[in-house]
């Protein structure tokens, strides 16, 4: 009987000590924001249309904000948001063709400023060229890259800066 009481007492002590142990959440809050900085043309081609004017090189940042409610962060799901910033580098022939196509389209100036295209991740050469942009130039809306109504373009020398947002 004494052995049984000792076993119960030890079990009770272990239960109390076990319940007082601080539990650490190994599943820390997962963020719903994913940002990718990449130079792969094939991956960018899944986001925009690169078939009409094919760049020789690309660099882009894509941010996806998952508001689908698939994690504990959101109690009410909503539409997901995404943001794209890119620089497309073209050979001279393709870039000249691109500019000619844009200059044949009648459009009103969208009134963009170069500051909108001053991406944090742009290299120093592109930033310098952007900052020296003609002050009378106000960018272009997108007609060939499939960016939709939120697509914005800024032409530099054999480069196109573009941005798009889903909201």
Protein backbone atom coordinates (compact mmCIF):
# COMPACT_ATOMS: atom_id res chain seq x y z
CA UNK A 1 0.00 0.00 0.00
CA UNK A 2 2.83 2.38 0.83
CA UNK A 3 4.45 1.68 -2.55
CA UNK A 4 1.16 2.50 -4.27
CA UNK A 5 0.86 5.79 -2.33
CA UNK A 6 4.44 6.73 -3.22
CA UNK A 7 3.78 5.98 -6.90
CA UNK A 8 0.61 8.10 -6.85
CA UNK A 9 2.45 10.91 -5.06
CA UNK A 10 5.33 10.85 -7.57
CA UNK A 11 2.84 10.76 -10.46
CA UNK A 12 1.01 13.75 -8.97
CA UNK A 13 4.28 15.70 -8.58
CA UNK A 14 5.28 14.90 -12.17
CA UNK A 15 1.88 16.03 -13.39
CA UNK A 16 2.17 19.37 -11.57
CA UNK A 17 5.74 19.95 -12.73
CA UNK A 18 4.82 19.00 -16.29
CA UNK A 19 1.89 21.41 -16.37
CA UNK A 20 4.06 24.25 -15.12
CA UNK A 21 6.62 23.82 -17.90
CA UNK A 22 6.65 26.81 -20.20
CA UNK A 23 5.59 25.72 -23.64
CA UNK A 24 7.17 27.48 -26.57
CA UNK A 25 5.17 27.77 -29.76
CA UNK A 26 7.28 26.08 -32.39
CA UNK A 27 4.84 27.29 -35.05
CA UNK A 28 5.66 30.98 -34.76
CA UNK A 29 3.29 33.32 -36.55
CA UNK A 30 3.83 32.84 -40.25
CA UNK A 31 3.89 35.95 -42.33
CA UNK A 32 1.50 36.30 -45.19
CA UNK A 33 3.93 38.46 -47.22
CA UNK A 34 6.31 36.82 -49.69
CA UNK A 35 8.84 38.94 -51.59
CA UNK A 36 11.03 37.60 -54.39
CA UNK A 37 13.93 39.39 -56.10
CA UNK A 38 14.89 37.46 -59.23
CA UNK A 39 16.49 37.64 -62.69
CA UNK A 40 14.80 34.65 -64.33
CA UNK A 41 12.95 35.60 -67.53
CA UNK A 42 10.86 32.42 -67.52
CA UNK A 43 9.48 33.17 -64.05
CA UNK A 44 8.71 36.79 -64.95
CA UNK A 45 6.99 35.57 -68.13
CA UNK A 46 4.44 33.83 -65.88
CA UNK A 47 3.53 37.24 -64.43
CA UNK A 48 3.62 39.44 -67.55
CA UNK A 49 3.61 39.01 -71.33
CA UNK A 50 7.16 38.93 -72.66
CA UNK A 51 6.28 37.38 -76.02
CA UNK A 52 5.74 40.59 -78.04
CA UNK A 53 8.91 42.40 -76.96
CA UNK A 54 11.48 39.97 -75.59
CA UNK A 55 14.08 41.43 -73.22
CA UNK A 56 17.63 40.12 -73.15
CA UNK A 57 17.81 40.41 -69.36
CA UNK A 58 15.36 41.13 -66.53
CA UNK A 59 15.47 41.94 -62.86
CA UNK A 60 12.31 42.15 -60.82
CA UNK A 61 10.83 42.17 -57.37
CA UNK A 62 7.49 40.46 -56.84
CA UNK A 63 5.58 40.78 -53.58
CA UNK A 64 2.57 38.59 -52.84
CA UNK A 65 0.36 39.30 -49.82
CA UNK A 66 -1.85 36.32 -49.03
CA UNK A 67 -5.15 37.49 -47.58
CA UNK A 68 -6.96 34.23 -48.28
CA UNK A 69 -7.51 33.43 -44.61
CA UNK A 70 -5.50 30.20 -44.83
CA UNK A 71 -3.55 31.11 -41.70
CA UNK A 72 -4.55 32.21 -38.21
CA UNK A 73 -3.59 35.84 -38.90
CA UNK A 74 -6.86 36.62 -40.64
CA UNK A 75 -10.27 35.90 -39.24
CA UNK A 76 -12.06 37.10 -42.38
CA UNK A 77 -10.48 36.24 -45.75
CA UNK A 78 -10.19 38.82 -48.48
CA UNK A 79 -8.57 39.24 -51.87
CA UNK A 80 -4.81 38.72 -52.03
CA UNK A 81 -2.61 41.58 -53.20
CA UNK A 82 0.50 41.56 -55.35
CA UNK A 83 3.05 44.12 -56.44
CA UNK A 84 5.55 43.90 -59.27
CA UNK A 85 8.53 46.13 -59.97
CA UNK A 86 10.82 45.24 -62.87
CA UNK A 87 13.51 46.50 -65.17
CA UNK A 88 13.60 44.95 -68.64
CA UNK A 89 16.82 45.26 -70.62
CA UNK A 90 16.46 45.20 -74.42
CA UNK A 91 18.81 45.09 -77.37
CA UNK A 92 18.77 48.27 -79.45
CA UNK A 93 16.65 46.86 -82.31
CA UNK A 94 13.91 45.54 -80.01
CA UNK A 95 13.89 48.69 -77.89
CA UNK A 96 13.60 50.92 -80.98
CA UNK A 97 10.69 48.79 -82.21
CA UNK A 98 9.03 49.05 -78.79
CA UNK A 99 9.38 52.83 -78.74
CA UNK A 100 8.00 53.15 -82.28
CA UNK A 101 4.94 51.09 -81.32
CA UNK A 102 4.31 53.27 -78.29
CA UNK A 103 4.76 56.48 -80.26
CA UNK A 104 2.09 55.40 -82.77
CA UNK A 105 -0.51 54.99 -80.00
CA UNK A 106 -2.63 57.99 -79.18
CA UNK A 107 -2.81 58.41 -75.45
CA UNK A 108 -3.01 61.13 -72.85
CA UNK A 109 0.02 61.57 -70.65
CA UNK A 110 -0.47 59.50 -67.50
CA UNK A 111 1.43 62.07 -65.45
CA UNK A 112 3.80 59.65 -63.71
CA UNK A 113 6.91 60.96 -62.01
CA UNK A 114 10.29 59.26 -62.13
CA UNK A 115 10.16 58.98 -58.32
CA UNK A 116 7.50 56.26 -58.64
CA UNK A 117 10.06 54.09 -60.46
CA UNK A 118 12.97 54.71 -58.07
CA UNK A 119 12.95 51.13 -56.78
CA UNK A 120 15.14 50.41 -53.75
CA UNK A 121 16.83 47.48 -55.47
CA UNK A 122 17.76 49.28 -58.75
CA UNK A 123 21.47 49.35 -59.50
CA UNK A 124 23.31 52.68 -59.28
CA UNK A 125 23.62 53.12 -63.07
CA UNK A 126 19.88 52.71 -63.68
CA UNK A 127 19.07 55.00 -60.72
CA UNK A 128 21.37 57.69 -62.08
CA UNK A 129 19.80 57.44 -65.54
CA UNK A 130 16.32 57.57 -63.99
CA UNK A 131 17.15 60.66 -61.94
CA UNK A 132 18.39 62.41 -65.10
CA UNK A 133 15.14 61.73 -66.97
CA UNK A 134 13.69 64.50 -69.12
CA UNK A 135 11.34 66.51 -66.89
CA UNK A 136 8.77 66.74 -69.70
CA UNK A 137 8.48 62.93 -69.85
CA UNK A 138 5.68 61.42 -67.76
CA UNK A 139 5.84 57.71 -68.54
CA UNK A 140 3.48 55.39 -70.39
CA UNK A 141 0.57 53.15 -69.65
CA UNK A 142 1.06 49.51 -70.55
CA UNK A 143 -0.28 48.18 -73.85
CA UNK A 144 1.94 45.18 -74.64
CA UNK A 145 3.08 43.52 -71.39
CA UNK A 146 -0.35 42.54 -70.06
CA UNK A 147 -0.11 44.56 -66.86
CA UNK A 148 -3.69 45.74 -66.98
CA UNK A 149 -5.00 49.13 -65.88
CA UNK A 150 -2.53 49.46 -62.99
CA UNK A 151 0.53 48.89 -65.19
CA UNK A 152 3.00 51.77 -65.44
CA UNK A 153 6.08 52.07 -67.68
CA UNK A 154 9.10 54.36 -67.75
CA UNK A 155 11.49 54.26 -70.71
CA UNK A 156 15.22 54.70 -70.23
CA UNK A 157 18.05 53.90 -72.67
CA UNK A 158 17.31 50.33 -73.88
CA UNK A 159 15.51 49.68 -70.59
CA UNK A 160 11.92 49.73 -69.44
CA UNK A 161 11.03 50.16 -65.80
CA UNK A 162 7.60 48.79 -65.04
CA UNK A 163 5.36 48.44 -62.06
CA UNK A 164 2.00 46.92 -61.34
CA UNK A 165 -0.18 46.51 -58.29
CA UNK A 166 -3.33 44.50 -57.77
CA UNK A 167 -5.14 47.02 -55.61
